[in-house]
Amino acid sequence: MGHGFGGLWKYRGIITYRLSPFELRAFGGALVPGLGNVLTRILSNVPYVVPPLGLAYIVYDQVEKEHAHLMRKNPADFENDK
């Protein structure tokens, strides 16, 4: 068992490449290009998301106003009560 870690198997005819985890940058390029990519993706989807949400809000608001209007009592119905 004199093999090092990762050298426990012999592959014949298969070429493998490895990179040490200590040589990787886990968050390399995440802030500057990553933030730009996120903003680009969000702005590219705005025309598809905002109009339906705006329409849904307008419909909801009008339905709530109409419901509140219909739930009010009509004073003319109670003129003859004593």
N, C-alpha and C. Protein backbone atom coordinates (compact mmCIF):
# COMPACT_ATOMS: atom_id res chain seq x y z
N MET A 1 0.83 -1.19 0.00
CA MET A 1 0.00 0.00 0.00
C MET A 1 0.87 1.26 0.00
N GLY A 2 1.92 1.24 -0.79
CA GLY A 2 2.82 2.38 -0.82
C GLY A 2 2.37 3.48 -1.75
N HIS A 3 1.17 3.37 -2.30
CA HIS A 3 0.68 4.41 -3.21
C HIS A 3 0.17 5.62 -2.42
N GLY A 4 0.28 6.78 -3.04
CA GLY A 4 -0.23 7.98 -2.41
C GLY A 4 -1.74 8.09 -2.60
N PHE A 5 -2.33 9.07 -1.96
CA PHE A 5 -3.77 9.27 -2.07
C PHE A 5 -4.12 9.62 -3.51
N GLY A 6 -5.12 8.98 -4.05
CA GLY A 6 -5.53 9.22 -5.42
C GLY A 6 -4.80 8.34 -6.41
N GLY A 7 -3.78 7.62 -5.98
CA GLY A 7 -3.05 6.74 -6.89
C GLY A 7 -3.31 5.28 -6.56
N LEU A 8 -4.47 4.96 -6.06
CA LEU A 8 -4.77 3.60 -5.64
C LEU A 8 -5.22 2.72 -6.80
N TRP A 9 -5.59 3.30 -7.92
CA TRP A 9 -6.08 2.53 -9.05
C TRP A 9 -5.16 2.74 -10.23
N LYS A 10 -5.06 1.73 -11.05
CA LYS A 10 -4.32 1.86 -12.29
C LYS A 10 -5.30 1.84 -13.45
N TYR A 11 -5.25 2.87 -14.25
CA TYR A 11 -6.09 2.95 -15.44
C TYR A 11 -5.21 2.67 -16.64
N ARG A 12 -5.63 1.78 -17.49
CA ARG A 12 -4.86 1.50 -18.69
C ARG A 12 -5.62 2.04 -19.89
N GLY A 13 -5.00 2.90 -20.64
CA GLY A 13 -5.63 3.48 -21.81
C GLY A 13 -6.54 4.66 -21.51
N ILE A 14 -6.59 5.11 -20.27
CA ILE A 14 -7.43 6.25 -19.88
C ILE A 14 -6.52 7.33 -19.31
N ILE A 15 -6.65 8.51 -19.84
CA ILE A 15 -5.84 9.62 -19.36
C ILE A 15 -6.69 10.44 -18.41
N THR A 16 -6.21 10.69 -17.23
CA THR A 16 -6.93 11.48 -16.24
C THR A 16 -6.09 12.69 -15.88
N TYR A 17 -6.78 13.79 -15.63
CA TYR A 17 -6.14 15.03 -15.21
C TYR A 17 -6.73 15.42 -13.87
N ARG A 18 -5.89 15.88 -13.00
CA ARG A 18 -6.36 16.27 -11.67
C ARG A 18 -5.79 17.63 -11.32
N LEU A 19 -6.56 18.34 -10.51
CA LEU A 19 -6.12 19.62 -10.00
C LEU A 19 -6.34 19.60 -8.50
N SER A 20 -5.32 19.96 -7.78
CA SER A 20 -5.41 19.93 -6.34
C SER A 20 -6.47 20.92 -5.85
N PRO A 21 -7.26 20.56 -4.82
CA PRO A 21 -8.24 21.51 -4.29
C PRO A 21 -7.58 22.77 -3.71
N PHE A 22 -6.31 22.68 -3.39
CA PHE A 22 -5.62 23.84 -2.84
C PHE A 22 -5.22 24.82 -3.94
N GLU A 23 -5.27 24.38 -5.20
CA GLU A 23 -4.95 25.26 -6.30
C GLU A 23 -6.18 25.93 -6.89
N LEU A 24 -7.35 25.53 -6.45
CA LEU A 24 -8.60 26.09 -6.96
C LEU A 24 -8.93 27.38 -6.23
N ARG A 25 -9.58 28.28 -6.93
CA ARG A 25 -10.15 29.46 -6.28
C ARG A 25 -11.65 29.23 -6.22
N ALA A 26 -12.16 29.00 -5.04
CA ALA A 26 -13.56 28.62 -4.88
C ALA A 26 -14.51 29.70 -5.39
N PHE A 27 -14.21 30.95 -5.12
CA PHE A 27 -15.08 32.05 -5.54
C PHE A 27 -14.35 32.96 -6.53
N GLY A 28 -13.49 32.39 -7.33
CA GLY A 28 -12.76 33.17 -8.31
C GLY A 28 -13.69 33.76 -9.36
N GLY A 29 -13.71 35.07 -9.49
CA GLY A 29 -14.55 35.73 -10.47
C GLY A 29 -16.02 35.78 -10.10
N ALA A 30 -16.36 35.55 -8.85
CA ALA A 30 -17.76 35.53 -8.46
C ALA A 30 -18.31 36.94 -8.23
N LEU A 31 -17.49 37.85 -7.79
CA LEU A 31 -18.01 39.17 -7.45
C LEU A 31 -18.17 40.08 -8.66
N VAL A 32 -17.11 40.33 -9.38
CA VAL A 32 -17.19 41.31 -10.47
C VAL A 32 -17.93 40.75 -11.68
N PRO A 33 -17.47 39.67 -12.33
CA PRO A 33 -18.24 39.17 -13.48
C PRO A 33 -19.54 38.50 -13.05
N GLY A 34 -19.53 37.87 -11.89
CA GLY A 34 -20.74 37.19 -11.44
C GLY A 34 -21.88 38.15 -11.17
N LEU A 35 -21.59 39.27 -10.55
CA LEU A 35 -22.61 40.27 -10.27
C LEU A 35 -23.15 40.87 -11.57
N GLY A 36 -22.26 41.10 -12.52
CA GLY A 36 -22.70 41.62 -13.81
C GLY A 36 -23.59 40.63 -14.53
N ASN A 37 -23.26 39.34 -14.46
CA ASN A 37 -24.10 38.33 -15.09
C ASN A 37 -25.47 38.26 -14.44
N VAL A 38 -25.52 38.37 -13.13
CA VAL A 38 -26.81 38.33 -12.43
C VAL A 38 -27.67 39.51 -12.86
N LEU A 39 -27.10 40.70 -12.90
CA LEU A 39 -27.87 41.87 -13.32
C LEU A 39 -28.32 41.76 -14.76
N THR A 40 -27.47 41.24 -15.62
CA THR A 40 -27.84 41.07 -17.02
C THR A 40 -29.00 40.10 -17.16
N ARG A 41 -28.96 38.99 -16.43
CA ARG A 41 -30.04 38.00 -16.52
C ARG A 41 -31.34 38.55 -15.96
N ILE A 42 -31.27 39.30 -14.87
CA ILE A 42 -32.48 39.89 -14.30
C ILE A 42 -33.09 40.91 -15.27
N LEU A 43 -32.26 41.78 -15.81
CA LEU A 43 -32.76 42.80 -16.73
C LEU A 43 -33.28 42.20 -18.03
N SER A 44 -32.76 41.07 -18.44
CA SER A 44 -33.25 40.44 -19.67
C SER A 44 -34.62 39.80 -19.46
N ASN A 45 -34.99 39.49 -18.21
CA ASN A 45 -36.28 38.87 -17.93
C ASN A 45 -37.35 39.86 -17.49
N VAL A 46 -36.98 41.12 -17.30
CA VAL A 46 -37.94 42.13 -16.86
C VAL A 46 -39.12 42.26 -17.82
N PRO A 47 -38.93 42.29 -19.15
CA PRO A 47 -40.09 42.44 -20.04
C PRO A 47 -41.06 41.27 -19.98
N TYR A 48 -40.61 40.12 -19.52
CA TYR A 48 -41.48 38.95 -19.43
C TYR A 48 -42.19 38.85 -18.09
N VAL A 49 -41.64 39.46 -17.05
CA VAL A 49 -42.17 39.29 -15.70
C VAL A 49 -43.02 40.49 -15.26
N VAL A 50 -42.57 41.69 -15.55
CA VAL A 50 -43.23 42.89 -15.02
C VAL A 50 -44.65 43.10 -15.59
N PRO A 51 -44.90 42.98 -16.90
CA PRO A 51 -46.27 43.21 -17.38
C PRO A 51 -47.31 42.27 -16.78
N PRO A 52 -47.08 40.96 -16.67
CA PRO A 52 -48.10 40.13 -16.02
C PRO A 52 -48.31 40.48 -14.55
N LEU A 53 -47.22 40.80 -13.85
CA LEU A 53 -47.37 41.18 -12.44
C LEU A 53 -48.12 42.50 -12.32
N GLY A 54 -47.84 43.45 -13.19
CA GLY A 54 -48.57 44.72 -13.17
C GLY A 54 -50.05 44.53 -13.47
N LEU A 55 -50.35 43.71 -14.46
CA LEU A 55 -51.74 43.43 -14.80
C LEU A 55 -52.45 42.72 -13.65
N ALA A 56 -51.76 41.77 -13.03
CA ALA A 56 -52.36 41.06 -11.88
C ALA A 56 -52.63 42.04 -10.73
N TYR A 57 -51.73 42.97 -10.48
CA TYR A 57 -51.94 43.95 -9.42
C TYR A 57 -53.14 44.85 -9.73
N ILE A 58 -53.25 45.30 -10.98
CA ILE A 58 -54.37 46.18 -11.36
C ILE A 58 -55.69 45.44 -11.20
N VAL A 59 -55.75 44.20 -11.67
CA VAL A 59 -56.98 43.41 -11.53
C VAL A 59 -57.32 43.20 -10.07
N TYR A 60 -56.34 42.84 -9.25
CA TYR A 60 -56.57 42.62 -7.83
C TYR A 60 -57.08 43.90 -7.15
N ASP A 61 -56.46 45.02 -7.46
CA ASP A 61 -56.86 46.28 -6.85
C ASP A 61 -58.29 46.65 -7.23
N GLN A 62 -58.66 46.50 -8.49
CA GLN A 62 -60.01 46.84 -8.93
C GLN A 62 -61.05 45.89 -8.32
N VAL A 63 -60.72 44.63 -8.21
CA VAL A 63 -61.66 43.67 -7.60
C VAL A 63 -61.86 43.99 -6.13
N GLU A 64 -60.80 44.34 -5.43
CA GLU A 64 -60.92 44.70 -4.01
C GLU A 64 -61.76 45.97 -3.84
N LYS A 65 -61.58 46.95 -4.70
CA LYS A 65 -62.38 48.18 -4.62
C LYS A 65 -63.85 47.89 -4.89
N GLU A 66 -64.13 47.06 -5.89
CA GLU A 66 -65.51 46.71 -6.21
C GLU A 66 -66.15 45.91 -5.08
N HIS A 67 -65.39 45.02 -4.48
CA HIS A 67 -65.90 44.24 -3.35
C HIS A 67 -66.24 45.15 -2.17
N ALA A 68 -65.36 46.09 -1.87
CA ALA A 68 -65.62 47.03 -0.78
C ALA A 68 -66.85 47.88 -1.10
N HIS A 69 -67.02 48.26 -2.36
CA HIS A 69 -68.18 49.05 -2.76
C HIS A 69 -69.47 48.24 -2.60
N LEU A 70 -69.44 46.98 -2.97
CA LEU A 70 -70.65 46.15 -2.88
C LEU A 70 -70.99 45.77 -1.45
N MET A 71 -70.04 45.79 -0.55
CA MET A 71 -70.30 45.43 0.84
C MET A 71 -70.86 46.59 1.66
N ARG A 72 -70.84 47.81 1.12
CA ARG A 72 -71.40 48.94 1.85
C ARG A 72 -72.91 48.88 1.86
N LYS A 73 -73.49 49.34 2.92
CA LYS A 73 -74.95 49.38 3.03
C LYS A 73 -75.48 50.59 2.27
N ASN A 74 -76.65 50.41 1.69
CA ASN A 74 -77.32 51.50 0.98
C ASN A 74 -78.21 52.24 1.98
N PRO A 75 -77.96 53.51 2.26
CA PRO A 75 -78.79 54.24 3.23
C PRO A 75 -80.25 54.34 2.81
N ALA A 76 -80.55 54.30 1.53
CA ALA A 76 -81.93 54.38 1.07
C ALA A 76 -82.76 53.17 1.50
N ASP A 77 -82.12 52.05 1.75
CA ASP A 77 -82.84 50.85 2.18
C ASP A 77 -83.34 50.96 3.61
N PHE A 78 -82.81 51.89 4.40
CA PHE A 78 -83.13 51.98 5.82
C PHE A 78 -83.82 53.29 6.19
N GLU A 79 -84.41 54.00 5.24
CA GLU A 79 -85.06 55.29 5.52
C GLU A 79 -86.28 55.13 6.40
N ASN A 80 -87.04 54.09 6.25
CA ASN A 80 -88.31 53.93 6.96
C ASN A 80 -88.17 53.19 8.29
N ASP A 81 -86.97 52.79 8.68
CA ASP A 81 -86.80 52.10 9.95
C ASP A 81 -86.89 53.09 11.10
N LYS A 82 -87.43 52.60 12.22
CA LYS A 82 -87.55 53.47 13.38
C LYS A 82 -86.82 52.91 14.56
